[in-house]
Protein backbone atom coordinates (compact mmCIF):
# COMPACT_ATOMS: atom_id res chain seq x y z
CA MET A 1 0.00 0.00 0.00
CA ASN A 2 1.08 3.56 -0.64
CA ALA A 3 2.21 5.69 2.29
CA HIS A 4 -0.49 8.13 1.15
CA GLN A 5 -3.91 6.61 1.69
CA LEU A 6 -6.24 6.89 -1.27
CA ALA A 7 -9.34 6.95 0.95
CA HIS A 8 -10.48 7.91 4.42
CA ALA A 9 -13.64 9.20 6.06
CA SER A 10 -14.97 11.34 8.85
CA PHE A 11 -18.28 11.60 10.65
CA SER A 12 -19.45 15.02 11.74
CA ILE A 13 -22.37 16.82 13.27
CA ALA A 14 -22.66 20.53 12.55
CA GLY A 15 -24.94 23.37 13.58
CA ASP A 16 -24.89 26.98 14.69
CA ASP A 17 -25.89 26.13 18.27
CA LEU A 18 -23.82 22.96 18.52
CA ASP A 19 -22.19 22.21 21.87
CA PRO A 20 -19.43 19.63 21.27
CA GLU A 21 -19.70 18.36 24.87
CA VAL A 22 -23.29 17.23 24.24
CA TRP A 23 -22.13 14.98 21.38
CA THR A 24 -19.08 13.71 23.25
CA ARG A 25 -21.39 12.55 26.05
CA TYR A 26 -23.95 11.14 23.60
CA PHE A 27 -21.46 9.02 21.67
CA GLY A 28 -19.05 8.39 24.55
CA VAL A 29 -16.19 9.13 22.16
CA PRO A 30 -13.73 12.04 22.29
CA PRO A 31 -13.84 14.10 19.09
CA ASP A 32 -11.02 14.65 16.64
CA THR A 33 -12.68 17.99 15.82
CA ALA A 34 -14.61 20.23 18.21
CA ILE A 35 -15.61 23.74 17.16
CA VAL A 36 -18.00 26.17 18.84
CA LYS A 37 -19.42 28.88 16.60
CA GLY A 38 -17.86 32.24 17.35
CA LYS A 39 -14.89 30.87 19.29
CA PRO A 40 -11.30 30.11 18.24
CA PHE A 41 -10.53 26.41 17.77
CA MET A 42 -7.56 24.10 17.29
CA THR A 43 -6.70 23.61 13.62
CA PRO A 44 -5.53 20.25 12.25
CA SER A 45 -1.96 21.54 12.51
CA GLY A 46 -2.41 22.04 16.27
CA ARG A 47 -2.54 25.83 16.17
CA LEU A 48 -5.26 28.08 17.48
CA SER A 49 -7.37 29.47 14.64
CA ARG A 50 -6.99 33.12 13.75
CA VAL A 51 -10.72 33.51 13.15
CA PRO A 52 -13.60 32.13 15.19
CA GLY A 53 -15.57 29.09 14.04
CA ARG A 54 -18.26 29.88 11.46
CA THR A 55 -20.44 27.05 12.78
CA GLY A 56 -20.24 24.41 15.48
CA VAL A 57 -18.75 21.02 14.55
CA TRP A 58 -18.19 17.73 16.37
CA GLY A 59 -16.37 15.05 14.41
CA VAL A 60 -14.32 11.88 14.38
CA LYS A 61 -11.99 10.56 11.68
CA SER A 62 -10.90 7.15 10.44
CA LYS A 63 -7.56 8.03 8.84
CA ALA A 64 -5.27 7.25 11.79
CA ALA A 65 -7.07 4.04 12.75
CA ILE A 66 -7.66 2.34 9.39
CA ARG A 67 -5.11 1.56 6.69
CA SER A 68 -7.10 0.98 3.50
CA ASP A 69 -7.49 2.57 0.09
CA SER A 70 -11.18 1.59 0.10
CA LEU A 71 -13.91 3.58 1.81
CA GLU A 72 -15.87 0.67 3.23
CA PRO A 73 -13.42 -0.22 6.07
CA HIS A 74 -13.22 3.46 7.06
CA LEU A 75 -17.00 3.81 7.16
CA ARG A 76 -17.49 0.52 9.03
CA TYR A 77 -14.91 1.65 11.62
CA LEU A 78 -16.82 4.89 12.23
CA ILE A 79 -20.15 3.06 12.41
CA ASP A 80 -18.74 0.64 14.98
CA ARG A 81 -16.98 3.34 17.00
CA LEU A 82 -20.13 5.47 17.21
CA ASN A 83 -22.50 2.54 17.68
CA LEU A 84 -24.60 3.47 14.65
CA PRO A 85 -27.42 3.35 13.82
CA ARG A 86 -29.14 4.93 16.81
CA ASP A 87 -32.91 5.14 16.93
CA ASP A 88 -33.03 8.54 18.63
CA LEU A 89 -30.34 10.30 16.60
CA ARG A 90 -32.57 11.69 13.81
CA GLN A 91 -34.91 13.36 16.32
CA LEU A 92 -32.03 14.62 18.47
CA LEU A 93 -30.46 16.27 15.42
CA ALA A 94 -33.78 17.89 14.52
CA ASN A 95 -34.29 19.13 18.09
CA LYS A 96 -30.83 20.71 18.08
CA GLY A 97 -31.01 22.11 14.52
CA ALA A 98 -27.96 20.08 13.49
CA GLN A 99 -26.95 18.02 10.48
CA MET A 100 -24.74 14.94 10.25
CA ARG A 101 -22.68 13.47 7.47
CA PHE A 102 -19.99 11.07 6.45
CA PHE A 103 -17.36 13.04 4.52
CA CYS A 104 -15.21 10.79 2.38
CA TYR A 105 -11.83 11.62 0.84
CA TRP A 106 -11.34 9.72 -2.42
CA ASP A 107 -8.08 9.97 -4.39
CA ASN A 108 -8.76 9.03 -8.00
CA GLU A 109 -5.73 10.41 -9.82
CA THR A 110 -5.74 7.41 -12.15
CA GLY A 111 -9.40 8.02 -13.01
CA ASP A 112 -10.31 4.33 -12.71
CA ARG A 113 -11.36 4.07 -9.05
CA VAL A 114 -15.03 3.94 -8.05
CA PRO A 115 -15.95 4.88 -4.46
CA ASP A 116 -17.21 1.84 -2.55
CA VAL A 117 -20.01 3.03 -0.27
CA PRO A 118 -22.19 -0.04 0.43
CA ASP A 119 -25.95 0.24 -0.02
CA ASP A 120 -26.60 -0.67 3.64
CA ILE A 121 -24.51 2.28 4.81
CA ARG A 122 -26.29 4.64 2.40
CA ALA A 123 -29.68 3.38 3.64
CA MET A 124 -28.64 3.71 7.29
CA MET A 125 -27.53 7.33 6.88
CA GLU A 126 -30.67 8.22 4.95
CA ALA A 127 -32.86 6.63 7.64
CA MET A 128 -31.08 8.67 10.33
CA GLY A 129 -31.35 11.88 8.30
CA GLY A 130 -27.66 12.11 7.39
CA THR A 131 -25.75 12.45 4.15
CA ILE A 132 -22.67 10.90 2.57
CA GLU A 133 -20.40 13.25 0.65
CA ILE A 134 -17.45 12.16 -1.44
CA ASP A 135 -14.66 14.63 -2.15
CA GLU A 136 -12.93 13.15 -5.18
CA TYR A 137 -9.45 14.29 -6.20
CA ARG A 138 -8.15 13.72 -9.71
């Protein structure tokens, strides 16, 4: 495998009134990303942001835990780590005015790779009110 992974994924919840602590307690998982709207936050490089967060975000990533150039293992890791699906999550998101998504990085420089998001994962996210976005690089 290449040192540079060709795929990885993150799960995030975002909203203007988002309190990252609420989601940390809910999932029982410390976030890789925690941003409160209007407050400085730690950037991926470990520095304090120069501008405040434009919206609140709570998120976890698969990149450090999973070594695969396919999306499926990354998504399954996040599903397992967050104990998804959860019956109350759709309503909780609605009550808090928040949205959730899987955000997938997909390196397709060769132009012959097709993202592998299984139908059961697509159906699960749709049922919970979430989305799956793929950011493809060529």
